[in-house]
């Protein structure tokens, strides 16, 4: 799946104050990397969106497809606890985290995943599993990647 190539990016601190705005994902990522805690939001020209919420050690990502399906990655092999991201995440968007921190990853992996999406590549691998929020009931006979491709075509 391809993502937008043109983005409008903002970076906020932990209090939600906007600190940076740019149409350059590279500049936004570089600015965000300098913060200990914050949020990078990017709105794509094809109506997709990525939100990277991070603290000094962990990160959490949401991706909204052009069809307005909300996906979050899970990291089944990750040992990151997600401590410190939960409050930031819930305060900002209101989506409750159910205590399964397999959706969190370390800060570096989160930034790399965000950079990949901003560059137009939607990563799919065994290390990163994309889960549809407000699930539409995947079929038991489908493989994970078949479900993902079906979900991304809905809309």
C-alpha atoms as a PDB file:
ATOM      1  CA  UNK A   1       0.000   0.000   0.000  1.00  0.00           C
ATOM      2  CA  UNK A   2       1.221   3.478  -0.817  1.00  0.00           C
ATOM      3  CA  UNK A   3       0.766   6.428   1.476  1.00  0.00           C
ATOM      4  CA  UNK A   4       0.726  10.148   0.685  1.00  0.00           C
ATOM      5  CA  UNK A   5       3.920  11.721  -0.569  1.00  0.00           C
ATOM      6  CA  UNK A   6       2.934  15.285   0.376  1.00  0.00           C
ATOM      7  CA  UNK A   7       2.310  16.031   4.055  1.00  0.00           C
ATOM      8  CA  UNK A   8       1.494  18.932   6.339  1.00  0.00           C
ATOM      9  CA  UNK A   9       3.299  18.250   9.611  1.00  0.00           C
ATOM     10  CA  UNK A  10       3.083  19.693  13.104  1.00  0.00           C
ATOM     11  CA  UNK A  11       5.007  18.893  16.259  1.00  0.00           C
ATOM     12  CA  UNK A  12       3.564  19.501  19.725  1.00  0.00           C
ATOM     13  CA  UNK A  13       5.108  19.283  23.170  1.00  0.00           C
ATOM     14  CA  UNK A  14       3.642  17.210  25.991  1.00  0.00           C
ATOM     15  CA  UNK A  15       1.237  20.036  26.922  1.00  0.00           C
ATOM     16  CA  UNK A  16      -0.213  20.123  23.394  1.00  0.00           C
ATOM     17  CA  UNK A  17       1.469  23.413  22.465  1.00  0.00           C
ATOM     18  CA  UNK A  18       2.374  23.500  18.780  1.00  0.00           C
ATOM     19  CA  UNK A  19       6.103  24.090  18.443  1.00  0.00           C
ATOM     20  CA  UNK A  20       6.721  23.421  14.759  1.00  0.00           C
ATOM     21  CA  UNK A  21       4.839  23.387  11.454  1.00  0.00           C
ATOM     22  CA  UNK A  22       6.176  22.349   8.053  1.00  0.00           C
ATOM     23  CA  UNK A  23       5.351  20.677   4.768  1.00  0.00           C
ATOM     24  CA  UNK A  24       8.692  18.872   5.026  1.00  0.00           C
ATOM     25  CA  UNK A  25       8.424  15.526   6.829  1.00  0.00           C
ATOM     26  CA  UNK A  26      12.228  15.434   7.156  1.00  0.00           C
ATOM     27  CA  UNK A  27      12.283  18.761   8.978  1.00  0.00           C
ATOM     28  CA  UNK A  28       9.378  17.721  11.224  1.00  0.00           C
ATOM     29  CA  UNK A  29      11.071  14.417  12.128  1.00  0.00           C
ATOM     30  CA  UNK A  30      14.364  16.178  12.876  1.00  0.00           C
ATOM     31  CA  UNK A  31      12.597  18.701  15.100  1.00  0.00           C
ATOM     32  CA  UNK A  32      10.586  16.007  16.915  1.00  0.00           C
ATOM     33  CA  UNK A  33      13.729  13.943  17.562  1.00  0.00           C
ATOM     34  CA  UNK A  34      15.081  16.815  19.679  1.00  0.00           C
ATOM     35  CA  UNK A  35      12.123  16.636  22.098  1.00  0.00           C
ATOM     36  CA  UNK A  36      11.965  14.241  25.038  1.00  0.00           C
ATOM     37  CA  UNK A  37       8.154  13.985  24.916  1.00  0.00           C
ATOM     38  CA  UNK A  38       5.715  15.065  22.236  1.00  0.00           C
ATOM     39  CA  UNK A  39       3.535  14.304  19.244  1.00  0.00           C
ATOM     40  CA  UNK A  40       4.230  14.496  15.530  1.00  0.00           C
ATOM     41  CA  UNK A  41       1.061  14.781  13.421  1.00  0.00           C
ATOM     42  CA  UNK A  42       1.094  14.620   9.638  1.00  0.00           C
ATOM     43  CA  UNK A  43      -1.881  15.091   7.326  1.00  0.00           C
ATOM     44  CA  UNK A  44      -1.414  13.633   3.857  1.00  0.00           C
ATOM     45  CA  UNK A  45      -2.769  15.098   0.638  1.00  0.00           C
ATOM     46  CA  UNK A  46      -4.708  11.865  -0.003  1.00  0.00           C
ATOM     47  CA  UNK A  47      -6.557  12.292   3.330  1.00  0.00           C
ATOM     48  CA  UNK A  48      -4.389   9.897   5.309  1.00  0.00           C
ATOM     49  CA  UNK A  49      -2.859  10.849   8.639  1.00  0.00           C
ATOM     50  CA  UNK A  50      -0.113   9.617  10.917  1.00  0.00           C
ATOM     51  CA  UNK A  51       0.264  10.402  14.581  1.00  0.00           C
ATOM     52  CA  UNK A  52       3.477   9.525  16.428  1.00  0.00           C
ATOM     53  CA  UNK A  53       3.325   9.987  20.192  1.00  0.00           C
ATOM     54  CA  UNK A  54       6.583   9.523  22.026  1.00  0.00           C
ATOM     55  CA  UNK A  55       8.445   9.913  25.275  1.00  0.00           C
ATOM     56  CA  UNK A  56      12.163   9.523  25.985  1.00  0.00           C
ATOM     57  CA  UNK A  57      12.069   5.720  25.544  1.00  0.00           C
ATOM     58  CA  UNK A  58       8.779   4.609  23.945  1.00  0.00           C
ATOM     59  CA  UNK A  59       6.545   5.528  21.045  1.00  0.00           C
ATOM     60  CA  UNK A  60       3.027   4.819  19.865  1.00  0.00           C
ATOM     61  CA  UNK A  61       1.666   5.226  16.314  1.00  0.00           C
ATOM     62  CA  UNK A  62      -1.765   5.612  14.737  1.00  0.00           C
ATOM     63  CA  UNK A  63      -2.306   5.678  10.986  1.00  0.00           C
ATOM     64  CA  UNK A  64      -5.557   6.722   9.342  1.00  0.00           C
ATOM     65  CA  UNK A  65      -5.919   5.418   5.785  1.00  0.00           C
ATOM     66  CA  UNK A  66      -7.284   7.552   2.926  1.00  0.00           C
ATOM     67  CA  UNK A  67     -10.540   5.570   3.430  1.00  0.00           C
ATOM     68  CA  UNK A  68     -10.562   6.826   7.052  1.00  0.00           C
ATOM     69  CA  UNK A  69      -9.805   3.459   8.635  1.00  0.00           C
ATOM     70  CA  UNK A  70      -7.827   3.856  11.850  1.00  0.00           C
ATOM     71  CA  UNK A  71      -4.901   1.433  12.184  1.00  0.00           C
ATOM     72  CA  UNK A  72      -2.360   0.991  14.928  1.00  0.00           C
ATOM     73  CA  UNK A  73       0.723  -1.162  14.794  1.00  0.00           C
ATOM     74  CA  UNK A  74       1.430  -3.860  17.313  1.00  0.00           C
ATOM     75  CA  UNK A  75       4.931  -5.065  17.979  1.00  0.00           C
ATOM     76  CA  UNK A  76       4.605  -8.671  19.132  1.00  0.00           C
ATOM     77  CA  UNK A  77       8.357  -9.086  19.606  1.00  0.00           C
ATOM     78  CA  UNK A  78       8.804  -5.802  21.489  1.00  0.00           C
ATOM     79  CA  UNK A  79       9.752  -5.741  25.135  1.00  0.00           C
ATOM     80  CA  UNK A  80       8.949  -2.036  25.560  1.00  0.00           C
ATOM     81  CA  UNK A  81       6.572  -1.459  28.470  1.00  0.00           C
ATOM     82  CA  UNK A  82       4.934   1.694  27.149  1.00  0.00           C
ATOM     83  CA  UNK A  83       5.217   3.387  30.546  1.00  0.00           C
ATOM     84  CA  UNK A  84       4.855   7.121  30.080  1.00  0.00           C
ATOM     85  CA  UNK A  85       3.143   6.864  26.689  1.00  0.00           C
ATOM     86  CA  UNK A  86      -0.269   5.777  28.001  1.00  0.00           C
ATOM     87  CA  UNK A  87      -1.124   9.068  29.707  1.00  0.00           C
ATOM     88  CA  UNK A  88       0.161  11.097  26.785  1.00  0.00           C
ATOM     89  CA  UNK A  89      -1.803   8.960  24.339  1.00  0.00           C
ATOM     90  CA  UNK A  90      -5.095   8.999  26.208  1.00  0.00           C
ATOM     91  CA  UNK A  91      -4.940  12.704  27.059  1.00  0.00           C
ATOM     92  CA  UNK A  92      -4.366  13.649  23.437  1.00  0.00           C
ATOM     93  CA  UNK A  93      -6.859  11.529  21.538  1.00  0.00           C
ATOM     94  CA  UNK A  94      -9.205   9.876  24.008  1.00  0.00           C
ATOM     95  CA  UNK A  95      -8.714   6.353  22.667  1.00  0.00           C
ATOM     96  CA  UNK A  96      -8.295   4.065  25.644  1.00  0.00           C
ATOM     97  CA  UNK A  97      -5.370   1.706  25.793  1.00  0.00           C
ATOM     98  CA  UNK A  98      -6.399  -1.692  27.060  1.00  0.00           C
ATOM     99  CA  UNK A  99      -3.100  -2.434  28.784  1.00  0.00           C
ATOM    100  CA  UNK A 100      -1.668  -4.412  25.877  1.00  0.00           C
ATOM    101  CA  UNK A 101       1.577  -2.572  25.331  1.00  0.00           C
ATOM    102  CA  UNK A 102       2.581  -4.740  22.386  1.00  0.00           C
ATOM    103  CA  UNK A 103       1.372  -1.736  20.387  1.00  0.00           C
ATOM    104  CA  UNK A 104       4.226   0.331  21.830  1.00  0.00           C
ATOM    105  CA  UNK A 105       7.782   0.171  20.637  1.00  0.00           C
ATOM    106  CA  UNK A 106      11.037   1.840  21.437  1.00  0.00           C
ATOM    107  CA  UNK A 107      11.483   5.437  20.379  1.00  0.00           C
ATOM    108  CA  UNK A 108      13.917   4.698  17.522  1.00  0.00           C
ATOM    109  CA  UNK A 109      11.670   2.061  15.931  1.00  0.00           C
ATOM    110  CA  UNK A 110       8.669   4.378  16.186  1.00  0.00           C
ATOM    111  CA  UNK A 111      10.489   7.206  14.459  1.00  0.00           C
ATOM    112  CA  UNK A 112      11.780   4.839  11.752  1.00  0.00           C
ATOM    113  CA  UNK A 113       8.262   3.481  11.137  1.00  0.00           C
ATOM    114  CA  UNK A 114       6.863   7.019  10.946  1.00  0.00           C
ATOM    115  CA  UNK A 115       9.654   8.043   8.554  1.00  0.00           C
ATOM    116  CA  UNK A 116       8.828   5.089   6.293  1.00  0.00           C
ATOM    117  CA  UNK A 117       5.138   6.019   6.112  1.00  0.00           C
ATOM    118  CA  UNK A 118       5.979   9.674   5.463  1.00  0.00           C
ATOM    119  CA  UNK A 119       8.232   8.531   2.601  1.00  0.00           C
ATOM    120  CA  UNK A 120       5.290   6.737   0.954  1.00  0.00           C
ATOM    121  CA  UNK A 121       6.019   3.178   2.110  1.00  0.00           C
ATOM    122  CA  UNK A 122       3.589   1.301   4.344  1.00  0.00           C
ATOM    123  CA  UNK A 123       5.687  -1.275   6.218  1.00  0.00           C
ATOM    124  CA  UNK A 124       4.402  -4.821   6.568  1.00  0.00           C
ATOM    125  CA  UNK A 125       6.409  -7.488   8.381  1.00  0.00           C
ATOM    126  CA  UNK A 126       6.228 -10.095  11.125  1.00  0.00           C
ATOM    127  CA  UNK A 127       7.673  -7.530  13.560  1.00  0.00           C
ATOM    128  CA  UNK A 128       4.949  -4.961  12.839  1.00  0.00           C
ATOM    129  CA  UNK A 129       1.301  -6.038  12.772  1.00  0.00           C
ATOM    130  CA  UNK A 130      -1.350  -3.477  11.849  1.00  0.00           C
ATOM    131  CA  UNK A 131      -4.632  -3.747  13.743  1.00  0.00           C
ATOM    132  CA  UNK A 132      -7.844  -1.983  12.803  1.00  0.00           C
ATOM    133  CA  UNK A 133      -9.310   0.000  15.679  1.00  0.00           C
ATOM    134  CA  UNK A 134     -13.050  -0.463  16.028  1.00  0.00           C
ATOM    135  CA  UNK A 135     -12.538  -3.833  14.376  1.00  0.00           C
ATOM    136  CA  UNK A 136     -14.875  -4.907  11.577  1.00  0.00           C
ATOM    137  CA  UNK A 137     -14.585  -8.596  12.489  1.00  0.00           C
ATOM    138  CA  UNK A 138     -11.833 -10.275  10.475  1.00  0.00           C
ATOM    139  CA  UNK A 139     -12.570 -13.681   9.048  1.00  0.00           C
ATOM    140  CA  UNK A 140     -10.895 -16.547  10.878  1.00  0.00           C
ATOM    141  CA  UNK A 141      -9.735 -18.167   7.636  1.00  0.00           C
ATOM    142  CA  UNK A 142      -7.810 -15.106   6.485  1.00  0.00           C
ATOM    143  CA  UNK A 143      -4.120 -14.694   7.095  1.00  0.00           C
ATOM    144  CA  UNK A 144      -2.986 -11.531   8.841  1.00  0.00           C
ATOM    145  CA  UNK A 145      -1.797  -9.920   5.578  1.00  0.00           C
ATOM    146  CA  UNK A 146      -4.990 -10.936   3.729  1.00  0.00           C
ATOM    147  CA  UNK A 147      -7.045  -9.242   6.477  1.00  0.00           C
ATOM    148  CA  UNK A 148      -4.881  -6.123   6.316  1.00  0.00           C
ATOM    149  CA  UNK A 149      -5.231  -5.839   2.553  1.00  0.00           C
ATOM    150  CA  UNK A 150      -9.008  -6.400   2.763  1.00  0.00           C
ATOM    151  CA  UNK A 151      -9.389  -3.756   5.483  1.00  0.00           C
ATOM    152  CA  UNK A 152      -7.350  -1.214   3.518  1.00  0.00           C
ATOM    153  CA  UNK A 153      -9.613  -1.706   0.488  1.00  0.00           C
ATOM    154  CA  UNK A 154     -12.781  -0.984   2.502  1.00  0.00           C
ATOM    155  CA  UNK A 155     -14.139   2.463   2.264  1.00  0.00           C
END
